[in-house]
């Protein structure tokens, strides 16, 4: 079953993106490099609760 997750910018903390993730055997939080409109740059976005 897919679970909805939110991605937050590691620089400014704004929550810009949402995605779905398979919750089976997931032990680590997802980390992606995405564009942040507040920072106006590509930054690392981490999964939040």
PDB file of N, CA and C in Angstrom:
ATOM      1  N   UNK A   1       0.835  -1.181   0.000  1.00  0.00           N
ATOM      2  CA  UNK A   1       0.000   0.000   0.000  1.00  0.00           C
ATOM      3  C   UNK A   1       0.880   1.245   0.000  1.00  0.00           C
ATOM      4  N   UNK A   2       0.556   2.196  -0.841  1.00  0.00           N
ATOM      5  CA  UNK A   2       1.341   3.420  -0.971  1.00  0.00           C
ATOM      6  C   UNK A   2       0.978   4.411   0.130  1.00  0.00           C
ATOM      7  N   UNK A   3       1.983   5.126   0.601  1.00  0.00           N
ATOM      8  CA  UNK A   3       1.822   6.110   1.663  1.00  0.00           C
ATOM      9  C   UNK A   3       2.217   7.474   1.129  1.00  0.00           C
ATOM     10  N   UNK A   4       1.458   8.505   1.453  1.00  0.00           N
ATOM     11  CA  UNK A   4       1.747   9.851   0.989  1.00  0.00           C
ATOM     12  C   UNK A   4       2.819  10.469   1.876  1.00  0.00           C
ATOM     13  N   UNK A   5       3.874  11.014   1.250  1.00  0.00           N
ATOM     14  CA  UNK A   5       4.961  11.638   1.987  1.00  0.00           C
ATOM     15  C   UNK A   5       5.119  13.087   1.537  1.00  0.00           C
ATOM     16  N   UNK A   6       5.735  13.902   2.375  1.00  0.00           N
ATOM     17  CA  UNK A   6       6.000  15.300   2.071  1.00  0.00           C
ATOM     18  C   UNK A   6       7.502  15.514   2.068  1.00  0.00           C
ATOM     19  N   UNK A   7       7.981  16.279   1.089  1.00  0.00           N
ATOM     20  CA  UNK A   7       9.408  16.584   0.997  1.00  0.00           C
ATOM     21  C   UNK A   7       9.645  18.038   1.400  1.00  0.00           C
ATOM     22  N   UNK A   8      10.614  18.252   2.289  1.00  0.00           N
ATOM     23  CA  UNK A   8      10.936  19.592   2.773  1.00  0.00           C
ATOM     24  C   UNK A   8      12.366  19.956   2.393  1.00  0.00           C
ATOM     25  N   UNK A   9      12.564  21.214   2.064  1.00  0.00           N
ATOM     26  CA  UNK A   9      13.883  21.722   1.703  1.00  0.00           C
ATOM     27  C   UNK A   9      14.797  21.704   2.931  1.00  0.00           C
ATOM     28  N   UNK A  10      16.021  21.233   2.751  1.00  0.00           N
ATOM     29  CA  UNK A  10      16.954  21.174   3.877  1.00  0.00           C
ATOM     30  C   UNK A  10      17.551  22.546   4.191  1.00  0.00           C
ATOM     31  N   UNK A  11      17.498  23.490   3.251  1.00  0.00           N
ATOM     32  CA  UNK A  11      18.062  24.831   3.464  1.00  0.00           C
ATOM     33  C   UNK A  11      17.087  25.743   4.219  1.00  0.00           C
ATOM     34  N   UNK A  12      15.866  25.895   3.679  1.00  0.00           N
ATOM     35  CA  UNK A  12      14.915  26.844   4.274  1.00  0.00           C
ATOM     36  C   UNK A  12      13.796  26.167   5.061  1.00  0.00           C
ATOM     37  N   UNK A  13      13.603  24.853   4.876  1.00  0.00           N
ATOM     38  CA  UNK A  13      12.597  24.124   5.641  1.00  0.00           C
ATOM     39  C   UNK A  13      11.199  24.153   5.055  1.00  0.00           C
ATOM     40  N   UNK A  14      10.993  24.801   3.915  1.00  0.00           N
ATOM     41  CA  UNK A  14       9.660  24.861   3.330  1.00  0.00           C
ATOM     42  C   UNK A  14       9.294  23.515   2.715  1.00  0.00           C
ATOM     43  N   UNK A  15       8.029  23.156   2.849  1.00  0.00           N
ATOM     44  CA  UNK A  15       7.539  21.878   2.334  1.00  0.00           C
ATOM     45  C   UNK A  15       6.957  22.114   0.947  1.00  0.00           C
ATOM     46  N   UNK A  16       7.716  21.761  -0.085  1.00  0.00           N
ATOM     47  CA  UNK A  16       7.373  22.097  -1.454  1.00  0.00           C
ATOM     48  C   UNK A  16       6.729  20.965  -2.231  1.00  0.00           C
ATOM     49  N   UNK A  17       7.092  19.736  -1.969  1.00  0.00           N
ATOM     50  CA  UNK A  17       6.670  18.621  -2.798  1.00  0.00           C
ATOM     51  C   UNK A  17       5.993  17.543  -1.969  1.00  0.00           C
ATOM     52  N   UNK A  18       5.074  16.808  -2.617  1.00  0.00           N
ATOM     53  CA  UNK A  18       4.485  15.626  -2.008  1.00  0.00           C
ATOM     54  C   UNK A  18       4.567  14.501  -3.018  1.00  0.00           C
ATOM     55  N   UNK A  19       4.656  13.288  -2.506  1.00  0.00           N
ATOM     56  CA  UNK A  19       4.841  12.119  -3.352  1.00  0.00           C
ATOM     57  C   UNK A  19       4.254  10.919  -2.643  1.00  0.00           C
ATOM     58  N   UNK A  20       4.212   9.793  -3.337  1.00  0.00           N
ATOM     59  CA  UNK A  20       3.788   8.549  -2.709  1.00  0.00           C
ATOM     60  C   UNK A  20       4.974   7.611  -2.644  1.00  0.00           C
ATOM     61  N   UNK A  21       5.008   6.804  -1.591  1.00  0.00           N
ATOM     62  CA  UNK A  21       6.106   5.862  -1.406  1.00  0.00           C
ATOM     63  C   UNK A  21       5.545   4.548  -0.904  1.00  0.00           C
ATOM     64  N   UNK A  22       6.152   3.476  -1.333  1.00  0.00           N
ATOM     65  CA  UNK A  22       5.779   2.161  -0.859  1.00  0.00           C
ATOM     66  C   UNK A  22       6.341   1.996   0.547  1.00  0.00           C
ATOM     67  N   UNK A  23       5.509   1.668   1.517  1.00  0.00           N
ATOM     68  CA  UNK A  23       5.967   1.624   2.898  1.00  0.00           C
ATOM     69  C   UNK A  23       6.530   0.268   3.306  1.00  0.00           C
ATOM     70  N   UNK A  24       6.563  -0.691   2.404  1.00  0.00           N
ATOM     71  CA  UNK A  24       7.142  -1.989   2.721  1.00  0.00           C
ATOM     72  C   UNK A  24       8.660  -1.887   2.810  1.00  0.00           C
ATOM     73  N   UNK A  25       9.221  -2.346   3.896  1.00  0.00           N
ATOM     74  CA  UNK A  25      10.669  -2.431   4.110  1.00  0.00           C
ATOM     75  C   UNK A  25      11.389  -1.097   3.951  1.00  0.00           C
ATOM     76  N   UNK A  26      10.744  -0.010   4.280  1.00  0.00           N
ATOM     77  CA  UNK A  26      11.384   1.300   4.183  1.00  0.00           C
ATOM     78  C   UNK A  26      11.889   1.697   5.567  1.00  0.00           C
ATOM     79  N   UNK A  27      13.220   1.761   5.716  1.00  0.00           N
ATOM     80  CA  UNK A  27      13.801   2.087   7.013  1.00  0.00           C
ATOM     81  C   UNK A  27      14.395   3.492   7.032  1.00  0.00           C
ATOM     82  N   UNK A  28      14.770   4.022   5.872  1.00  0.00           N
ATOM     83  CA  UNK A  28      15.382   5.344   5.804  1.00  0.00           C
ATOM     84  C   UNK A  28      14.435   6.341   5.154  1.00  0.00           C
ATOM     85  N   UNK A  29      14.651   7.605   5.473  1.00  0.00           N
ATOM     86  CA  UNK A  29      13.850   8.657   4.843  1.00  0.00           C
ATOM     87  C   UNK A  29      14.380   8.941   3.453  1.00  0.00           C
ATOM     88  N   UNK A  30      13.477   9.273   2.548  1.00  0.00           N
ATOM     89  CA  UNK A  30      13.837   9.532   1.163  1.00  0.00           C
ATOM     90  C   UNK A  30      14.527  10.889   1.034  1.00  0.00           C
ATOM     91  N   UNK A  31      15.569  10.955   0.198  1.00  0.00           N
ATOM     92  CA  UNK A  31      16.327  12.192  -0.034  1.00  0.00           C
ATOM     93  C   UNK A  31      16.424  12.401  -1.536  1.00  0.00           C
ATOM     94  N   UNK A  32      15.940  13.563  -2.007  1.00  0.00           N
ATOM     95  CA  UNK A  32      15.969  13.896  -3.433  1.00  0.00           C
ATOM     96  C   UNK A  32      16.494  15.303  -3.615  1.00  0.00           C
ATOM     97  N   UNK A  33      17.102  15.560  -4.762  1.00  0.00           N
ATOM     98  CA  UNK A  33      17.549  16.909  -5.092  1.00  0.00           C
ATOM     99  C   UNK A  33      16.494  17.530  -6.007  1.00  0.00           C
ATOM    100  N   UNK A  34      15.811  18.583  -5.514  1.00  0.00           N
ATOM    101  CA  UNK A  34      14.726  19.226  -6.239  1.00  0.00           C
ATOM    102  C   UNK A  34      14.931  20.736  -6.238  1.00  0.00           C
ATOM    103  N   UNK A  35      14.144  21.428  -7.073  1.00  0.00           N
ATOM    104  CA  UNK A  35      14.208  22.883  -7.129  1.00  0.00           C
ATOM    105  C   UNK A  35      13.321  23.477  -6.043  1.00  0.00           C
ATOM    106  N   UNK A  36      13.873  24.403  -5.275  1.00  0.00           N
ATOM    107  CA  UNK A  36      13.121  25.111  -4.239  1.00  0.00           C
ATOM    108  C   UNK A  36      12.839  26.523  -4.728  1.00  0.00           C
ATOM    109  N   UNK A  37      11.564  26.890  -4.795  1.00  0.00           N
ATOM    110  CA  UNK A  37      11.212  28.217  -5.292  1.00  0.00           C
ATOM    111  C   UNK A  37      11.555  29.317  -4.291  1.00  0.00           C
ATOM    112  N   UNK A  38      11.651  28.988  -3.006  1.00  0.00           N
ATOM    113  CA  UNK A  38      12.010  29.986  -1.999  1.00  0.00           C
ATOM    114  C   UNK A  38      13.508  30.279  -2.010  1.00  0.00           C
ATOM    115  N   UNK A  39      14.325  29.249  -2.186  1.00  0.00           N
ATOM    116  CA  UNK A  39      15.782  29.420  -2.256  1.00  0.00           C
ATOM    117  C   UNK A  39      16.229  29.806  -3.662  1.00  0.00           C
ATOM    118  N   UNK A  40      15.389  29.543  -4.659  1.00  0.00           N
ATOM    119  CA  UNK A  40      15.675  29.798  -6.066  1.00  0.00           C
ATOM    120  C   UNK A  40      16.905  29.016  -6.525  1.00  0.00           C
ATOM    121  N   UNK A  41      17.002  27.764  -6.058  1.00  0.00           N
ATOM    122  CA  UNK A  41      18.133  26.905  -6.415  1.00  0.00           C
ATOM    123  C   UNK A  41      17.737  25.446  -6.221  1.00  0.00           C
ATOM    124  N   UNK A  42      18.538  24.554  -6.774  1.00  0.00           N
ATOM    125  CA  UNK A  42      18.342  23.127  -6.554  1.00  0.00           C
ATOM    126  C   UNK A  42      18.970  22.764  -5.216  1.00  0.00           C
ATOM    127  N   UNK A  43      18.177  22.231  -4.307  1.00  0.00           N
ATOM    128  CA  UNK A  43      18.663  21.863  -2.984  1.00  0.00           C
ATOM    129  C   UNK A  43      18.189  20.446  -2.649  1.00  0.00           C
ATOM    130  N   UNK A  44      18.734  19.904  -1.587  1.00  0.00           N
ATOM    131  CA  UNK A  44      18.349  18.577  -1.123  1.00  0.00           C
ATOM    132  C   UNK A  44      17.031  18.690  -0.373  1.00  0.00           C
ATOM    133  N   UNK A  45      16.084  17.835  -0.729  1.00  0.00           N
ATOM    134  CA  UNK A  45      14.791  17.771  -0.053  1.00  0.00           C
ATOM    135  C   UNK A  45      14.683  16.418   0.641  1.00  0.00           C
ATOM    136  N   UNK A  46      14.273  16.439   1.905  1.00  0.00           N
ATOM    137  CA  UNK A  46      14.170  15.228   2.702  1.00  0.00           C
ATOM    138  C   UNK A  46      12.713  14.948   3.052  1.00  0.00           C
ATOM    139  N   UNK A  47      12.426  13.687   3.244  1.00  0.00           N
ATOM    140  CA  UNK A  47      11.076  13.264   3.620  1.00  0.00           C
ATOM    141  C   UNK A  47      10.774  13.703   5.041  1.00  0.00           C
ATOM    142  N   UNK A  48       9.579  14.248   5.253  1.00  0.00           N
ATOM    143  CA  UNK A  48       9.134  14.642   6.589  1.00  0.00           C
ATOM    144  C   UNK A  48       7.945  13.785   6.973  1.00  0.00           C
ATOM    145  N   UNK A  49       7.570  13.867   8.233  1.00  0.00           N
ATOM    146  CA  UNK A  49       6.429  13.083   8.705  1.00  0.00           C
ATOM    147  C   UNK A  49       5.143  13.820   8.467  1.00  0.00           C
TER     148      UNK A  49
END
